[in-house]
Amino acid sequence: MTVRVVYETALGSVAVVVGTLAPGASWEPSPILHSGAAVAAAIKGGVAHMSIRFTSSKGTARIDDVYLDPRMR
């Protein structure tokens, strides 16, 4: 599964690959993926509009939860 963060810019949407995950046979948390939102927010004056796009490369994958740290710790 490919994980992309899509940022809204003055030139339109820009998608950045932030990780590739291999689904396991059972539930387990994925590694932490860094969105780069701090850099995007610095460029845009403190605000970054973004969305997260998940693309399965083989078959069907299920996503249970997505957590985004609002304080970018």
Protein backbone atom coordinates (compact mmCIF):
# COMPACT_ATOMS: atom_id res chain seq x y z
CA MET A 1 0.00 0.00 0.00
CA THR A 2 1.35 3.38 -0.95
CA VAL A 3 0.63 6.33 1.34
CA ARG A 4 0.65 9.82 -0.15
CA VAL A 5 0.04 13.20 1.43
CA VAL A 6 -1.71 15.59 -0.94
CA TYR A 7 -1.05 19.28 -0.31
CA GLU A 8 -3.06 22.14 -1.74
CA THR A 9 -0.78 24.78 -3.23
CA ALA A 10 -1.25 27.91 -5.30
CA LEU A 11 -0.41 25.79 -8.36
CA GLY A 12 -2.89 23.02 -7.50
CA SER A 13 -2.61 19.71 -5.66
CA VAL A 14 0.80 18.13 -5.08
CA ALA A 15 1.00 14.46 -3.97
CA VAL A 16 4.09 13.31 -2.05
CA VAL A 17 4.76 9.63 -1.27
CA VAL A 18 5.46 9.36 2.47
CA GLY A 19 5.65 5.57 2.76
CA THR A 20 4.95 2.12 1.47
CA LEU A 21 3.35 -0.43 3.78
CA ALA A 22 3.03 -4.20 3.44
CA PRO A 23 -0.22 -5.52 4.97
CA GLY A 24 0.25 -8.31 7.49
CA ALA A 25 -1.80 -11.42 8.13
CA SER A 26 -3.22 -9.91 11.32
CA TRP A 27 -3.74 -6.44 12.77
CA GLU A 28 -0.66 -4.54 13.82
CA PRO A 29 0.19 -0.84 13.97
CA SER A 30 2.17 0.57 11.09
CA PRO A 31 5.39 2.49 11.56
CA ILE A 32 5.12 6.25 12.02
CA LEU A 33 5.02 8.08 8.70
CA HIS A 34 6.08 11.71 8.58
CA SER A 35 3.83 13.96 6.53
CA GLY A 36 6.15 16.91 6.05
CA ALA A 37 3.32 19.19 7.21
CA ALA A 38 5.72 21.31 9.28
CA VAL A 39 7.62 22.30 6.14
CA ALA A 40 4.40 22.91 4.19
CA ALA A 41 2.98 25.00 7.04
CA ALA A 42 6.18 27.07 7.27
CA ILE A 43 5.96 27.84 3.56
CA LYS A 44 2.26 28.77 3.77
CA GLY A 45 2.45 30.98 6.90
CA GLY A 46 1.57 28.37 9.53
CA VAL A 47 -1.28 26.49 7.82
CA ALA A 48 -1.05 23.40 5.62
CA HIS A 49 -4.15 22.06 3.87
CA MET A 50 -3.64 18.39 3.15
CA SER A 51 -5.33 15.06 2.66
CA ILE A 52 -4.03 11.50 2.90
CA ARG A 53 -4.35 9.07 -0.02
CA PHE A 54 -3.96 5.30 0.39
CA THR A 55 -3.46 3.19 -2.74
CA SER A 56 -3.45 -0.61 -2.63
CA SER A 57 -0.99 -2.09 -5.11
CA LYS A 58 -2.26 -5.68 -4.88
CA GLY A 59 -5.75 -6.80 -3.99
CA THR A 60 -7.80 -5.25 -1.23
CA ALA A 61 -6.48 -3.73 1.98
CA ARG A 62 -8.45 -2.48 4.97
CA ILE A 63 -7.50 0.50 7.08
CA ASP A 64 -8.74 0.51 10.66
CA ASP A 65 -7.77 3.94 11.98
CA VAL A 66 -5.63 6.89 10.96
CA TYR A 67 -4.14 9.20 13.57
CA LEU A 68 -2.69 12.58 12.67
CA ASP A 69 -0.85 14.38 15.48
CA PRO A 70 -2.26 17.94 15.42
CA ARG A 71 0.80 19.28 17.27
CA MET A 72 3.27 17.62 14.85
CA ARG A 73 5.35 16.12 17.69
